[in-house]
Amino acid sequence: MMIAMTLAGQGSSGFAIRSAAFQASGAIPSKHTCDDADTSPALEWSGEPAGTKSFALVVHDPDAPAGDWLHWTAWNIPPMTHALAADVAKLESLPDGTRQGRNDFGKPGYGGPCPPSGTHHYVFELFALDAMLNLPATASRRQIEQAIQEHHLSRATLTGTYQRAKA
């Protein structure tokens, strides 16, 4: 299930997300995929609206054969945070209070691109929220997305692509 929002691309308030690892619509380096270290890319953002109390991140692959594949969820990212360093620990709870849910690989935290064939798109959606989310790390994707919709102020997106090398 993907969040249905009318906003596309950069948020209406100038809210934007970017990565030093790849450009918008560009290729995600293999070190951030199952073909290498599978570490999360560095992300940074700016321009969140007034009243932002937390951020939530949802990373998914809408091109997956089994349906929209969830690669990462993180919520309760503190409002003073404007970046996630590369290689975020794959833990349910981080020291700053950020929570990470289980991805569709069945593990907490980031699970990088690993397409079975072809070029896939990986959508990094960052949401500015008007509250912290009262959800356990065991929350389902549906529960997380419902809570995001209830507290959504703005959304910023960054899409990257990945295609595995032919053997």
C-alpha atoms as a PDB file:
ATOM      1  CA  MET A   1       0.000   0.000   0.000  1.00  0.00           C
ATOM      2  CA  MET A   2       1.446   3.340  -0.993  1.00  0.00           C
ATOM      3  CA  ILE A   3       0.379   6.601   0.574  1.00  0.00           C
ATOM      4  CA  ALA A   4      -1.942   8.439  -1.783  1.00  0.00           C
ATOM      5  CA  MET A   5      -1.039  12.091  -1.601  1.00  0.00           C
ATOM      6  CA  THR A   6      -1.740  14.820  -4.100  1.00  0.00           C
ATOM      7  CA  LEU A   7       1.682  16.405  -3.658  1.00  0.00           C
ATOM      8  CA  ALA A   8       4.365  15.335  -6.093  1.00  0.00           C
ATOM      9  CA  GLY A   9       8.075  15.998  -6.024  1.00  0.00           C
ATOM     10  CA  GLN A  10       9.106  18.797  -3.738  1.00  0.00           C
ATOM     11  CA  GLY A  11       6.686  19.731  -0.978  1.00  0.00           C
ATOM     12  CA  SER A  12       4.464  22.768  -1.398  1.00  0.00           C
ATOM     13  CA  SER A  13       6.396  24.699   1.257  1.00  0.00           C
ATOM     14  CA  GLY A  14       9.771  24.281  -0.456  1.00  0.00           C
ATOM     15  CA  PHE A  15      10.379  21.143   1.590  1.00  0.00           C
ATOM     16  CA  ALA A  16      13.048  19.104  -0.245  1.00  0.00           C
ATOM     17  CA  ILE A  17      15.149  15.976   0.287  1.00  0.00           C
ATOM     18  CA  ARG A  18      18.444  15.155  -1.412  1.00  0.00           C
ATOM     19  CA  SER A  19      21.355  12.751  -1.178  1.00  0.00           C
ATOM     20  CA  ALA A  20      25.074  13.172  -1.740  1.00  0.00           C
ATOM     21  CA  ALA A  21      25.098   9.522  -2.894  1.00  0.00           C
ATOM     22  CA  PHE A  22      22.910   9.996  -5.994  1.00  0.00           C
ATOM     23  CA  GLN A  23      21.094  12.674  -7.951  1.00  0.00           C
ATOM     24  CA  ALA A  24      17.309  12.789  -8.381  1.00  0.00           C
ATOM     25  CA  SER A  25      16.323  10.130 -10.939  1.00  0.00           C
ATOM     26  CA  GLY A  26      19.948   8.950 -10.973  1.00  0.00           C
ATOM     27  CA  ALA A  27      21.481   5.580 -10.250  1.00  0.00           C
ATOM     28  CA  ILE A  28      21.878   4.511  -6.631  1.00  0.00           C
ATOM     29  CA  PRO A  29      25.477   3.327  -6.039  1.00  0.00           C
ATOM     30  CA  SER A  30      25.855  -0.428  -5.516  1.00  0.00           C
ATOM     31  CA  LYS A  31      27.229   0.040  -1.975  1.00  0.00           C
ATOM     32  CA  HIS A  32      23.660   0.958  -0.980  1.00  0.00           C
ATOM     33  CA  THR A  33      22.247  -2.281  -2.450  1.00  0.00           C
ATOM     34  CA  CYS A  34      22.131  -6.023  -1.797  1.00  0.00           C
ATOM     35  CA  ASP A  35      24.979  -6.420  -4.297  1.00  0.00           C
ATOM     36  CA  ASP A  36      27.422  -4.767  -1.889  1.00  0.00           C
ATOM     37  CA  ALA A  37      27.383  -3.421   1.705  1.00  0.00           C
ATOM     38  CA  ASP A  38      23.613  -2.686   1.697  1.00  0.00           C
ATOM     39  CA  THR A  39      24.096   0.504   3.708  1.00  0.00           C
ATOM     40  CA  SER A  40      21.601   3.341   3.676  1.00  0.00           C
ATOM     41  CA  PRO A  41      22.621   6.426   1.680  1.00  0.00           C
ATOM     42  CA  ALA A  42      23.167   9.761   3.393  1.00  0.00           C
ATOM     43  CA  LEU A  43      20.074  11.971   3.183  1.00  0.00           C
ATOM     44  CA  GLU A  44      19.518  15.622   4.020  1.00  0.00           C
ATOM     45  CA  TRP A  45      16.528  17.909   3.883  1.00  0.00           C
ATOM     46  CA  SER A  46      15.396  21.479   4.367  1.00  0.00           C
ATOM     47  CA  GLY A  47      12.383  23.729   4.022  1.00  0.00           C
ATOM     48  CA  GLU A  48      10.002  21.911   6.357  1.00  0.00           C
ATOM     49  CA  PRO A  49       6.862  23.835   7.287  1.00  0.00           C
ATOM     50  CA  ALA A  50       6.331  25.663  10.563  1.00  0.00           C
ATOM     51  CA  GLY A  51       4.810  23.412  13.200  1.00  0.00           C
ATOM     52  CA  THR A  52       6.867  20.348  12.259  1.00  0.00           C
ATOM     53  CA  LYS A  53       7.159  18.128  15.351  1.00  0.00           C
ATOM     54  CA  SER A  54       8.827  15.110  13.695  1.00  0.00           C
ATOM     55  CA  PHE A  55       9.737  13.525  10.383  1.00  0.00           C
ATOM     56  CA  ALA A  56       8.890  10.118   8.951  1.00  0.00           C
ATOM     57  CA  LEU A  57      10.632   8.347   6.077  1.00  0.00           C
ATOM     58  CA  VAL A  58       9.171   5.693   3.782  1.00  0.00           C
ATOM     59  CA  VAL A  59      11.342   4.126   1.060  1.00  0.00           C
ATOM     60  CA  HIS A  60       9.685   1.809  -1.424  1.00  0.00           C
ATOM     61  CA  ASP A  61       9.978   0.221  -4.866  1.00  0.00           C
ATOM     62  CA  PRO A  62       6.737   0.567  -6.850  1.00  0.00           C
ATOM     63  CA  ASP A  63       8.230  -1.565  -9.666  1.00  0.00           C
ATOM     64  CA  ALA A  64       8.614  -4.741  -7.594  1.00  0.00           C
ATOM     65  CA  PRO A  65       6.977  -7.823  -9.160  1.00  0.00           C
ATOM     66  CA  ALA A  66       5.301  -8.752  -5.854  1.00  0.00           C
ATOM     67  CA  GLY A  67       3.802  -5.265  -5.498  1.00  0.00           C
ATOM     68  CA  ASP A  68       5.092  -2.055  -3.953  1.00  0.00           C
ATOM     69  CA  TRP A  69       8.084  -3.309  -1.899  1.00  0.00           C
ATOM     70  CA  LEU A  70       8.933  -1.565   1.373  1.00  0.00           C
ATOM     71  CA  HIS A  71      12.667  -0.942   1.845  1.00  0.00           C
ATOM     72  CA  TRP A  72      12.702   1.300   4.932  1.00  0.00           C
ATOM     73  CA  THR A  73      10.442   3.060   7.395  1.00  0.00           C
ATOM     74  CA  ALA A  74      11.631   5.438  10.060  1.00  0.00           C
ATOM     75  CA  TRP A  75       9.526   7.763  12.206  1.00  0.00           C
ATOM     76  CA  ASN A  76       9.835  10.089  15.185  1.00  0.00           C
ATOM     77  CA  ILE A  77      12.919  11.584  13.581  1.00  0.00           C
ATOM     78  CA  PRO A  78      13.418  14.686  15.789  1.00  0.00           C
ATOM     79  CA  PRO A  79      12.358  18.036  14.287  1.00  0.00           C
ATOM     80  CA  MET A  80      15.833  19.529  14.723  1.00  0.00           C
ATOM     81  CA  THR A  81      17.320  16.745  12.593  1.00  0.00           C
ATOM     82  CA  HIS A  82      17.938  17.665   8.953  1.00  0.00           C
ATOM     83  CA  ALA A  83      20.061  14.729   7.853  1.00  0.00           C
ATOM     84  CA  LEU A  84      20.611  11.023   8.246  1.00  0.00           C
ATOM     85  CA  ALA A  85      24.214   9.918   7.853  1.00  0.00           C
ATOM     86  CA  ALA A  86      25.040   6.998   5.585  1.00  0.00           C
ATOM     87  CA  ASP A  87      24.825   3.531   7.135  1.00  0.00           C
ATOM     88  CA  VAL A  88      22.095   4.130   9.718  1.00  0.00           C
ATOM     89  CA  ALA A  89      22.170   1.275  12.263  1.00  0.00           C
ATOM     90  CA  LYS A  90      19.560  -1.398  11.501  1.00  0.00           C
ATOM     91  CA  LEU A  91      17.899  -1.186  14.907  1.00  0.00           C
ATOM     92  CA  GLU A  92      14.271  -0.708  15.944  1.00  0.00           C
ATOM     93  CA  SER A  93      15.197   2.290  18.119  1.00  0.00           C
ATOM     94  CA  LEU A  94      18.016   4.766  17.608  1.00  0.00           C
ATOM     95  CA  PRO A  95      19.588   6.853  20.405  1.00  0.00           C
ATOM     96  CA  ASP A  96      17.775  10.053  19.302  1.00  0.00           C
ATOM     97  CA  GLY A  97      14.334   8.394  19.607  1.00  0.00           C
ATOM     98  CA  THR A  98      13.920   7.560  15.923  1.00  0.00           C
ATOM     99  CA  ARG A  99      12.036   4.290  15.402  1.00  0.00           C
ATOM    100  CA  GLN A 100      12.576   1.964  12.447  1.00  0.00           C
ATOM    101  CA  GLY A 101      10.050  -0.592  11.327  1.00  0.00           C
ATOM    102  CA  ARG A 102      10.473  -3.893   9.556  1.00  0.00           C
ATOM    103  CA  ASN A 103      10.992  -3.734   5.823  1.00  0.00           C
ATOM    104  CA  ASP A 104       9.595  -6.290   3.382  1.00  0.00           C
ATOM    105  CA  PHE A 105      12.802  -8.303   3.839  1.00  0.00           C
ATOM    106  CA  GLY A 106      11.549  -8.882   7.414  1.00  0.00           C
ATOM    107  CA  LYS A 107      14.322  -6.862   9.100  1.00  0.00           C
ATOM    108  CA  PRO A 108      14.362  -3.523  10.922  1.00  0.00           C
ATOM    109  CA  GLY A 109      15.876  -0.519   9.191  1.00  0.00           C
ATOM    110  CA  TYR A 110      17.148  -0.126   5.665  1.00  0.00           C
ATOM    111  CA  GLY A 111      17.115  -2.917   3.102  1.00  0.00           C
ATOM    112  CA  GLY A 112      18.630  -1.700  -0.147  1.00  0.00           C
ATOM    113  CA  PRO A 113      17.640  -2.202  -3.756  1.00  0.00           C
ATOM    114  CA  CYS A 114      17.767  -5.808  -4.941  1.00  0.00           C
ATOM    115  CA  PRO A 115      15.641  -6.009  -8.097  1.00  0.00           C
ATOM    116  CA  PRO A 116      15.236  -9.436  -9.700  1.00  0.00           C
ATOM    117  CA  SER A 117      15.484  -7.918 -13.183  1.00  0.00           C
ATOM    118  CA  GLY A 118      15.347  -4.618 -15.027  1.00  0.00           C
ATOM    119  CA  THR A 119      15.671  -1.093 -13.714  1.00  0.00           C
ATOM    120  CA  HIS A 120      13.596  -0.284 -10.660  1.00  0.00           C
ATOM    121  CA  HIS A 121      12.715   3.080  -9.090  1.00  0.00           C
ATOM    122  CA  TYR A 122      13.274   3.632  -5.373  1.00  0.00           C
ATOM    123  CA  VAL A 123      11.160   6.401  -3.889  1.00  0.00           C
ATOM    124  CA  PHE A 124      12.413   8.107  -0.720  1.00  0.00           C
ATOM    125  CA  GLU A 125       9.427   9.960   0.784  1.00  0.00           C
ATOM    126  CA  LEU A 126      10.092  12.224   3.739  1.00  0.00           C
ATOM    127  CA  PHE A 127       7.092  13.566   5.622  1.00  0.00           C
ATOM    128  CA  ALA A 128       6.977  16.565   7.950  1.00  0.00           C
ATOM    129  CA  LEU A 129       4.479  15.730  10.702  1.00  0.00           C
ATOM    130  CA  ASP A 130       2.621  17.779  13.312  1.00  0.00           C
ATOM    131  CA  ALA A 131       3.219  15.166  16.052  1.00  0.00           C
ATOM    132  CA  MET A 132       5.412  12.321  17.196  1.00  0.00           C
ATOM    133  CA  LEU A 133       3.862   8.975  16.226  1.00  0.00           C
ATOM    134  CA  ASN A 134       2.838   6.634  19.032  1.00  0.00           C
ATOM    135  CA  LEU A 135       3.717   3.436  17.191  1.00  0.00           C
ATOM    136  CA  PRO A 136       5.787   0.418  18.201  1.00  0.00           C
ATOM    137  CA  ALA A 137       8.575  -0.835  15.923  1.00  0.00           C
ATOM    138  CA  THR A 138       6.288  -3.779  15.175  1.00  0.00           C
ATOM    139  CA  ALA A 139       3.737  -1.469  13.519  1.00  0.00           C
ATOM    140  CA  SER A 140       2.634  -2.607  10.076  1.00  0.00           C
ATOM    141  CA  ARG A 141       3.221  -0.523   6.978  1.00  0.00           C
ATOM    142  CA  ARG A 142      -0.507   0.207   6.899  1.00  0.00           C
ATOM    143  CA  GLN A 143      -0.462   1.483  10.508  1.00  0.00           C
ATOM    144  CA  ILE A 144       2.573   3.663   9.802  1.00  0.00           C
ATOM    145  CA  GLU A 145       1.073   5.134   6.636  1.00  0.00           C
ATOM    146  CA  GLN A 146      -2.265   5.781   8.360  1.00  0.00           C
ATOM    147  CA  ALA A 147      -0.515   7.632  11.192  1.00  0.00           C
ATOM    148  CA  ILE A 148       1.491   9.656   8.659  1.00  0.00           C
ATOM    149  CA  GLN A 149      -1.689  10.634   6.814  1.00  0.00           C
ATOM    150  CA  GLU A 150      -3.300  11.790  10.078  1.00  0.00           C
ATOM    151  CA  HIS A 151      -0.352  14.059  10.934  1.00  0.00           C
ATOM    152  CA  HIS A 152       0.970  15.017   7.482  1.00  0.00           C
ATOM    153  CA  LEU A 153       2.071  18.634   6.960  1.00  0.00           C
ATOM    154  CA  SER A 154       4.236  18.281   3.861  1.00  0.00           C
ATOM    155  CA  ARG A 155       6.075  15.675   1.792  1.00  0.00           C
ATOM    156  CA  ALA A 156       9.370  15.725  -0.071  1.00  0.00           C
ATOM    157  CA  THR A 157      10.455  12.973  -2.446  1.00  0.00           C
ATOM    158  CA  LEU A 158      13.687  11.768  -3.990  1.00  0.00           C
ATOM    159  CA  THR A 159      13.709   8.928  -6.512  1.00  0.00           C
ATOM    160  CA  GLY A 160      16.736   6.893  -7.495  1.00  0.00           C
ATOM    161  CA  THR A 161      17.114   3.925  -9.816  1.00  0.00           C
ATOM    162  CA  TYR A 162      19.007   0.656  -9.700  1.00  0.00           C
ATOM    163  CA  GLN A 163      19.626  -2.220 -12.103  1.00  0.00           C
ATOM    164  CA  ARG A 164      21.723  -5.189 -11.122  1.00  0.00           C
ATOM    165  CA  ALA A 165      24.756  -6.003 -13.259  1.00  0.00           C
ATOM    166  CA  LYS A 166      24.297  -8.972 -15.547  1.00  0.00           C
ATOM    167  CA  ALA A 167      26.220 -12.074 -14.421  1.00  0.00           C
END
